[in-house]
Amino acid sequence: MSSTGLHLIRRAIADLQRCSSGNTVHRAINTAYANGMIELAYAESLLTDAQYDDFNRQVHQVELDSREVACA
């Protein structure tokens, strides 16, 4: 995958991390955007299986972290 594509996916995940303790609507939008970027790149065969799994793991971890903050 091009460095620009990888940068955009990493940026989407970073945006999700930044809003993890914020508004629920913003968090949902950023989660959908990050997942959409990953799925689109994978559907276009721009990501390897390992990259796909790694990016999905990162999004899942951010979601888990945000739930822990919300429960604290």
PDB file of N, CA and C in Angstrom:
ATOM      1  N   MET A   1       0.852  -1.169   0.000  1.00  0.00           N
ATOM      2  CA  MET A   1       0.000   0.000   0.000  1.00  0.00           C
ATOM      3  C   MET A   1       0.891   1.222   0.000  1.00  0.00           C
ATOM      4  N   SER A   2       0.397   2.271  -0.602  1.00  0.00           N
ATOM      5  CA  SER A   2       1.180   3.503  -0.661  1.00  0.00           C
ATOM      6  C   SER A   2       1.339   4.100   0.730  1.00  0.00           C
ATOM      7  N   SER A   3       2.365   4.878   0.886  1.00  0.00           N
ATOM      8  CA  SER A   3       2.595   5.528   2.174  1.00  0.00           C
ATOM      9  C   SER A   3       1.462   6.498   2.503  1.00  0.00           C
ATOM     10  N   THR A   4       0.850   7.083   1.479  1.00  0.00           N
ATOM     11  CA  THR A   4      -0.273   7.996   1.716  1.00  0.00           C
ATOM     12  C   THR A   4      -1.471   7.245   2.274  1.00  0.00           C
ATOM     13  N   GLY A   5      -1.762   6.080   1.714  1.00  0.00           N
ATOM     14  CA  GLY A   5      -2.873   5.277   2.211  1.00  0.00           C
ATOM     15  C   GLY A   5      -2.656   4.830   3.645  1.00  0.00           C
ATOM     16  N   LEU A   6      -1.457   4.371   3.945  1.00  0.00           N
ATOM     17  CA  LEU A   6      -1.140   3.966   5.320  1.00  0.00           C
ATOM     18  C   LEU A   6      -1.241   5.152   6.268  1.00  0.00           C
ATOM     19  N   HIS A   7      -0.786   6.302   5.814  1.00  0.00           N
ATOM     20  CA  HIS A   7      -0.873   7.509   6.641  1.00  0.00           C
ATOM     21  C   HIS A   7      -2.328   7.854   6.946  1.00  0.00           C
ATOM     22  N   LEU A   8      -3.200   7.738   5.947  1.00  0.00           N
ATOM     23  CA  LEU A   8      -4.610   8.071   6.159  1.00  0.00           C
ATOM     24  C   LEU A   8      -5.276   7.118   7.147  1.00  0.00           C
ATOM     25  N   ILE A   9      -4.930   5.837   7.080  1.00  0.00           N
ATOM     26  CA  ILE A   9      -5.496   4.881   8.036  1.00  0.00           C
ATOM     27  C   ILE A   9      -4.959   5.166   9.434  1.00  0.00           C
ATOM     28  N   ARG A  10      -3.664   5.405   9.540  1.00  0.00           N
ATOM     29  CA  ARG A  10      -3.083   5.724  10.858  1.00  0.00           C
ATOM     30  C   ARG A  10      -3.674   7.016  11.425  1.00  0.00           C
ATOM     31  N   ARG A  11      -3.933   7.981  10.555  1.00  0.00           N
ATOM     32  CA  ARG A  11      -4.531   9.239  10.996  1.00  0.00           C
ATOM     33  C   ARG A  11      -5.956   9.010  11.497  1.00  0.00           C
ATOM     34  N   ALA A  12      -6.716   8.164  10.810  1.00  0.00           N
ATOM     35  CA  ALA A  12      -8.076   7.856  11.245  1.00  0.00           C
ATOM     36  C   ALA A  12      -8.066   7.202  12.621  1.00  0.00           C
ATOM     37  N   ILE A  13      -7.119   6.304  12.861  1.00  0.00           N
ATOM     38  CA  ILE A  13      -7.003   5.647  14.167  1.00  0.00           C
ATOM     39  C   ILE A  13      -6.563   6.654  15.227  1.00  0.00           C
ATOM     40  N   ALA A  14      -5.644   7.552  14.876  1.00  0.00           N
ATOM     41  CA  ALA A  14      -5.200   8.588  15.815  1.00  0.00           C
ATOM     42  C   ALA A  14      -6.345   9.525  16.167  1.00  0.00           C
ATOM     43  N   ASP A  15      -7.174   9.883  15.190  1.00  0.00           N
ATOM     44  CA  ASP A  15      -8.345  10.722  15.458  1.00  0.00           C
ATOM     45  C   ASP A  15      -9.292  10.013  16.417  1.00  0.00           C
ATOM     46  N   LEU A  16      -9.447   8.720  16.237  1.00  0.00           N
ATOM     47  CA  LEU A  16     -10.287   7.929  17.132  1.00  0.00           C
ATOM     48  C   LEU A  16      -9.718   7.937  18.547  1.00  0.00           C
ATOM     49  N   GLN A  17      -8.412   7.810  18.674  1.00  0.00           N
ATOM     50  CA  GLN A  17      -7.780   7.827  19.995  1.00  0.00           C
ATOM     51  C   GLN A  17      -7.968   9.178  20.676  1.00  0.00           C
ATOM     52  N   ARG A  18      -7.861  10.260  19.905  1.00  0.00           N
ATOM     53  CA  ARG A  18      -7.999  11.593  20.487  1.00  0.00           C
ATOM     54  C   ARG A  18      -9.400  11.862  21.012  1.00  0.00           C
ATOM     55  N   CYS A  19     -10.410  11.279  20.399  1.00  0.00           N
ATOM     56  CA  CYS A  19     -11.775  11.564  20.830  1.00  0.00           C
ATOM     57  C   CYS A  19     -12.331  10.466  21.719  1.00  0.00           C
ATOM     58  N   SER A  20     -11.487   9.552  22.173  1.00  0.00           N
ATOM     59  CA  SER A  20     -11.979   8.396  22.920  1.00  0.00           C
ATOM     60  C   SER A  20     -12.710   8.757  24.204  1.00  0.00           C
ATOM     61  N   SER A  21     -12.379   9.871  24.810  1.00  0.00           N
ATOM     62  CA  SER A  21     -13.075  10.256  26.044  1.00  0.00           C
ATOM     63  C   SER A  21     -14.090  11.370  25.792  1.00  0.00           C
ATOM     64  N   GLY A  22     -14.344  11.671  24.543  1.00  0.00           N
ATOM     65  CA  GLY A  22     -15.246  12.762  24.207  1.00  0.00           C
ATOM     66  C   GLY A  22     -16.667  12.323  23.947  1.00  0.00           C
ATOM     67  N   ASN A  23     -17.326  13.087  23.134  1.00  0.00           N
ATOM     68  CA  ASN A  23     -18.712  12.893  22.769  1.00  0.00           C
ATOM     69  C   ASN A  23     -18.921  11.522  22.125  1.00  0.00           C
ATOM     70  N   THR A  24     -19.986  10.854  22.508  1.00  0.00           N
ATOM     71  CA  THR A  24     -20.290   9.528  21.989  1.00  0.00           C
ATOM     72  C   THR A  24     -20.512   9.538  20.482  1.00  0.00           C
ATOM     73  N   VAL A  25     -21.154  10.578  19.981  1.00  0.00           N
ATOM     74  CA  VAL A  25     -21.424  10.674  18.547  1.00  0.00           C
ATOM     75  C   VAL A  25     -20.121  10.822  17.769  1.00  0.00           C
ATOM     76  N   HIS A  26     -19.227  11.684  18.240  1.00  0.00           N
ATOM     77  CA  HIS A  26     -17.938  11.852  17.561  1.00  0.00           C
ATOM     78  C   HIS A  26     -17.131  10.564  17.579  1.00  0.00           C
ATOM     79  N   ARG A  27     -17.185   9.863  18.699  1.00  0.00           N
ATOM     80  CA  ARG A  27     -16.455   8.606  18.809  1.00  0.00           C
ATOM     81  C   ARG A  27     -17.015   7.578  17.820  1.00  0.00           C
ATOM     82  N   ALA A  28     -18.335   7.524  17.697  1.00  0.00           N
ATOM     83  CA  ALA A  28     -18.962   6.579  16.763  1.00  0.00           C
ATOM     84  C   ALA A  28     -18.604   6.918  15.315  1.00  0.00           C
ATOM     85  N   ILE A  29     -18.601   8.194  14.993  1.00  0.00           N
ATOM     86  CA  ILE A  29     -18.244   8.625  13.637  1.00  0.00           C
ATOM     87  C   ILE A  29     -16.800   8.276  13.336  1.00  0.00           C
ATOM     88  N   ASN A  30     -15.901   8.569  14.272  1.00  0.00           N
ATOM     89  CA  ASN A  30     -14.483   8.270  14.051  1.00  0.00           C
ATOM     90  C   ASN A  30     -14.220   6.770  13.981  1.00  0.00           C
ATOM     91  N   THR A  31     -14.962   5.985  14.755  1.00  0.00           N
ATOM     92  CA  THR A  31     -14.825   4.531  14.683  1.00  0.00           C
ATOM     93  C   THR A  31     -15.269   4.030  13.319  1.00  0.00           C
ATOM     94  N   ALA A  32     -16.404   4.518  12.855  1.00  0.00           N
ATOM     95  CA  ALA A  32     -16.909   4.109  11.537  1.00  0.00           C
ATOM     96  C   ALA A  32     -15.945   4.531  10.434  1.00  0.00           C
ATOM     97  N   TYR A  33     -15.376   5.712  10.552  1.00  0.00           N
ATOM     98  CA  TYR A  33     -14.431   6.200   9.543  1.00  0.00           C
ATOM     99  C   TYR A  33     -13.174   5.326   9.517  1.00  0.00           C
ATOM    100  N   ALA A  34     -12.629   5.025  10.682  1.00  0.00           N
ATOM    101  CA  ALA A  34     -11.422   4.186  10.743  1.00  0.00           C
ATOM    102  C   ALA A  34     -11.718   2.802  10.185  1.00  0.00           C
ATOM    103  N   ASN A  35     -12.834   2.207  10.591  1.00  0.00           N
ATOM    104  CA  ASN A  35     -13.195   0.885  10.082  1.00  0.00           C
ATOM    105  C   ASN A  35     -13.430   0.923   8.575  1.00  0.00           C
ATOM    106  N   GLY A  36     -14.071   1.974   8.103  1.00  0.00           N
ATOM    107  CA  GLY A  36     -14.324   2.110   6.672  1.00  0.00           C
ATOM    108  C   GLY A  36     -13.046   2.224   5.863  1.00  0.00           C
ATOM    109  N   MET A  37     -12.091   3.005   6.355  1.00  0.00           N
ATOM    110  CA  MET A  37     -10.808   3.147   5.665  1.00  0.00           C
ATOM    111  C   MET A  37     -10.096   1.798   5.581  1.00  0.00           C
ATOM    112  N   ILE A  38     -10.119   1.058   6.670  1.00  0.00           N
ATOM    113  CA  ILE A  38      -9.459  -0.244   6.708  1.00  0.00           C
ATOM    114  C   ILE A  38     -10.148  -1.214   5.747  1.00  0.00           C
ATOM    115  N   GLU A  39     -11.468  -1.274   5.815  1.00  0.00           N
ATOM    116  CA  GLU A  39     -12.222  -2.197   4.969  1.00  0.00           C
ATOM    117  C   GLU A  39     -12.058  -1.863   3.486  1.00  0.00           C
ATOM    118  N   LEU A  40     -12.084  -0.585   3.157  1.00  0.00           N
ATOM    119  CA  LEU A  40     -11.929  -0.177   1.765  1.00  0.00           C
ATOM    120  C   LEU A  40     -10.547  -0.574   1.231  1.00  0.00           C
ATOM    121  N   ALA A  41      -9.527  -0.283   2.012  1.00  0.00           N
ATOM    122  CA  ALA A  41      -8.164  -0.632   1.583  1.00  0.00           C
ATOM    123  C   ALA A  41      -8.016  -2.143   1.425  1.00  0.00           C
ATOM    124  N   TYR A  42      -8.613  -2.894   2.332  1.00  0.00           N
ATOM    125  CA  TYR A  42      -8.520  -4.352   2.253  1.00  0.00           C
ATOM    126  C   TYR A  42      -9.313  -4.885   1.062  1.00  0.00           C
ATOM    127  N   ALA A  43     -10.487  -4.321   0.823  1.00  0.00           N
ATOM    128  CA  ALA A  43     -11.312  -4.761  -0.310  1.00  0.00           C
ATOM    129  C   ALA A  43     -10.624  -4.489  -1.641  1.00  0.00           C
ATOM    130  N   GLU A  44      -9.841  -3.438  -1.688  1.00  0.00           N
ATOM    131  CA  GLU A  44      -9.105  -3.099  -2.903  1.00  0.00           C
ATOM    132  C   GLU A  44      -7.760  -3.815  -2.982  1.00  0.00           C
ATOM    133  N   SER A  45      -7.537  -4.735  -2.044  1.00  0.00           N
ATOM    134  CA  SER A  45      -6.291  -5.526  -1.965  1.00  0.00           C
ATOM    135  C   SER A  45      -5.064  -4.639  -1.789  1.00  0.00           C
ATOM    136  N   LEU A  46      -5.238  -3.569  -1.036  1.00  0.00           N
ATOM    137  CA  LEU A  46      -4.123  -2.661  -0.766  1.00  0.00           C
ATOM    138  C   LEU A  46      -3.433  -2.978   0.555  1.00  0.00           C
ATOM    139  N   LEU A  47      -4.079  -3.805   1.369  1.00  0.00           N
ATOM    140  CA  LEU A  47      -3.505  -4.218   2.644  1.00  0.00           C
ATOM    141  C   LEU A  47      -3.257  -5.721   2.627  1.00  0.00           C
ATOM    142  N   THR A  48      -2.193  -6.117   3.285  1.00  0.00           N
ATOM    143  CA  THR A  48      -1.974  -7.548   3.493  1.00  0.00           C
ATOM    144  C   THR A  48      -2.895  -8.001   4.626  1.00  0.00           C
ATOM    145  N   ASP A  49      -3.023  -9.296   4.771  1.00  0.00           N
ATOM    146  CA  ASP A  49      -3.836  -9.826   5.870  1.00  0.00           C
ATOM    147  C   ASP A  49      -3.283  -9.386   7.220  1.00  0.00           C
ATOM    148  N   ALA A  50      -1.961  -9.351   7.337  1.00  0.00           N
ATOM    149  CA  ALA A  50      -1.332  -8.944   8.600  1.00  0.00           C
ATOM    150  C   ALA A  50      -1.620  -7.477   8.904  1.00  0.00           C
ATOM    151  N   GLN A  51      -1.536  -6.614   7.899  1.00  0.00           N
ATOM    152  CA  GLN A  51      -1.848  -5.191   8.102  1.00  0.00           C
ATOM    153  C   GLN A  51      -3.312  -5.016   8.481  1.00  0.00           C
ATOM    154  N   TYR A  52      -4.180  -5.728   7.795  1.00  0.00           N
ATOM    155  CA  TYR A  52      -5.614  -5.658   8.077  1.00  0.00           C
ATOM    156  C   TYR A  52      -5.879  -6.043   9.532  1.00  0.00           C
ATOM    157  N   ASP A  53      -5.320  -7.160   9.960  1.00  0.00           N
ATOM    158  CA  ASP A  53      -5.494  -7.616  11.337  1.00  0.00           C
ATOM    159  C   ASP A  53      -4.918  -6.621  12.333  1.00  0.00           C
ATOM    160  N   ASP A  54      -3.755  -6.060  12.032  1.00  0.00           N
ATOM    161  CA  ASP A  54      -3.115  -5.112  12.936  1.00  0.00           C
ATOM    162  C   ASP A  54      -3.945  -3.835  13.084  1.00  0.00           C
ATOM    163  N   PHE A  55      -4.422  -3.289  11.976  1.00  0.00           N
ATOM    164  CA  PHE A  55      -5.233  -2.074  12.060  1.00  0.00           C
ATOM    165  C   PHE A  55      -6.543  -2.327  12.802  1.00  0.00           C
ATOM    166  N   ASN A  56      -7.178  -3.467  12.544  1.00  0.00           N
ATOM    167  CA  ASN A  56      -8.416  -3.791  13.258  1.00  0.00           C
ATOM    168  C   ASN A  56      -8.153  -3.988  14.749  1.00  0.00           C
ATOM    169  N   ARG A  57      -7.011  -4.566  15.084  1.00  0.00           N
ATOM    170  CA  ARG A  57      -6.643  -4.734  16.493  1.00  0.00           C
ATOM    171  C   ARG A  57      -6.468  -3.378  17.162  1.00  0.00           C
ATOM    172  N   GLN A  58      -5.852  -2.433  16.457  1.00  0.00           N
ATOM    173  CA  GLN A  58      -5.651  -1.095  17.004  1.00  0.00           C
ATOM    174  C   GLN A  58      -6.986  -0.400  17.271  1.00  0.00           C
ATOM    175  N   VAL A  59      -7.914  -0.494  16.324  1.00  0.00           N
ATOM    176  CA  VAL A  59      -9.233   0.121  16.510  1.00  0.00           C
ATOM    177  C   VAL A  59      -9.952  -0.535  17.681  1.00  0.00           C
ATOM    178  N   HIS A  60      -9.885  -1.854  17.751  1.00  0.00           N
ATOM    179  CA  HIS A  60     -10.527  -2.570  18.843  1.00  0.00           C
ATOM    180  C   HIS A  60      -9.926  -2.166  20.188  1.00  0.00           C
ATOM    181  N   GLN A  61      -8.619  -1.998  20.245  1.00  0.00           N
ATOM    182  CA  GLN A  61      -7.961  -1.605  21.490  1.00  0.00           C
ATOM    183  C   GLN A  61      -8.391  -0.207  21.918  1.00  0.00           C
ATOM    184  N   VAL A  62      -8.528   0.708  20.971  1.00  0.00           N
ATOM    185  CA  VAL A  62      -8.986   2.058  21.303  1.00  0.00           C
ATOM    186  C   VAL A  62     -10.399   1.996  21.869  1.00  0.00           C
ATOM    187  N   GLU A  63     -11.259   1.165  21.277  1.00  0.00           N
ATOM    188  CA  GLU A  63     -12.615   1.024  21.774  1.00  0.00           C
ATOM    189  C   GLU A  63     -12.623   0.467  23.200  1.00  0.00           C
ATOM    190  N   LEU A  64     -11.786  -0.538  23.461  1.00  0.00           N
ATOM    191  CA  LEU A  64     -11.692  -1.086  24.811  1.00  0.00           C
ATOM    192  C   LEU A  64     -11.183  -0.051  25.806  1.00  0.00           C
ATOM    193  N   ASP A  65     -10.178   0.702  25.410  1.00  0.00           N
ATOM    194  CA  ASP A  65      -9.637   1.737  26.288  1.00  0.00           C
ATOM    195  C   ASP A  65     -10.672   2.802  26.600  1.00  0.00           C
ATOM    196  N   SER A  66     -11.471   3.194  25.610  1.00  0.00           N
ATOM    197  CA  SER A  66     -12.472   4.231  25.827  1.00  0.00           C
ATOM    198  C   SER A  66     -13.582   3.727  26.750  1.00  0.00           C
ATOM    199  N   ARG A  67     -13.897   2.443  26.665  1.00  0.00           N
ATOM    200  CA  ARG A  67     -14.904   1.873  27.579  1.00  0.00           C
ATOM    201  C   ARG A  67     -14.388   1.854  28.997  1.00  0.00           C
ATOM    202  N   GLU A  68     -13.104   1.557  29.178  1.00  0.00           N
ATOM    203  CA  GLU A  68     -12.524   1.554  30.514  1.00  0.00           C
ATOM    204  C   GLU A  68     -12.555   2.948  31.116  1.00  0.00           C
ATOM    205  N   VAL A  69     -12.264   3.962  30.297  1.00  0.00           N
ATOM    206  CA  VAL A  69     -12.307   5.344  30.787  1.00  0.00           C
ATOM    207  C   VAL A  69     -13.725   5.726  31.163  1.00  0.00           C
ATOM    208  N   ALA A  70     -14.705   5.312  30.351  1.00  0.00           N
ATOM    209  CA  ALA A  70     -16.102   5.643  30.615  1.00  0.00           C
ATOM    210  C   ALA A  70     -16.600   4.988  31.903  1.00  0.00           C
ATOM    211  N   CYS A  71     -16.091   3.802  32.209  1.00  0.00           N
ATOM    212  CA  CYS A  71     -16.522   3.087  33.413  1.00  0.00           C
ATOM    213  C   CYS A  71     -15.820   3.570  34.668  1.00  0.00           C
ATOM    214  N   ALA A  72     -14.702   4.258  34.510  1.00  0.00           N
ATOM    215  CA  ALA A  72     -13.922   4.691  35.674  1.00  0.00           C
ATOM    216  C   ALA A  72     -14.530   5.875  36.367  1.00  0.00           C
TER     217      ALA A  72
END
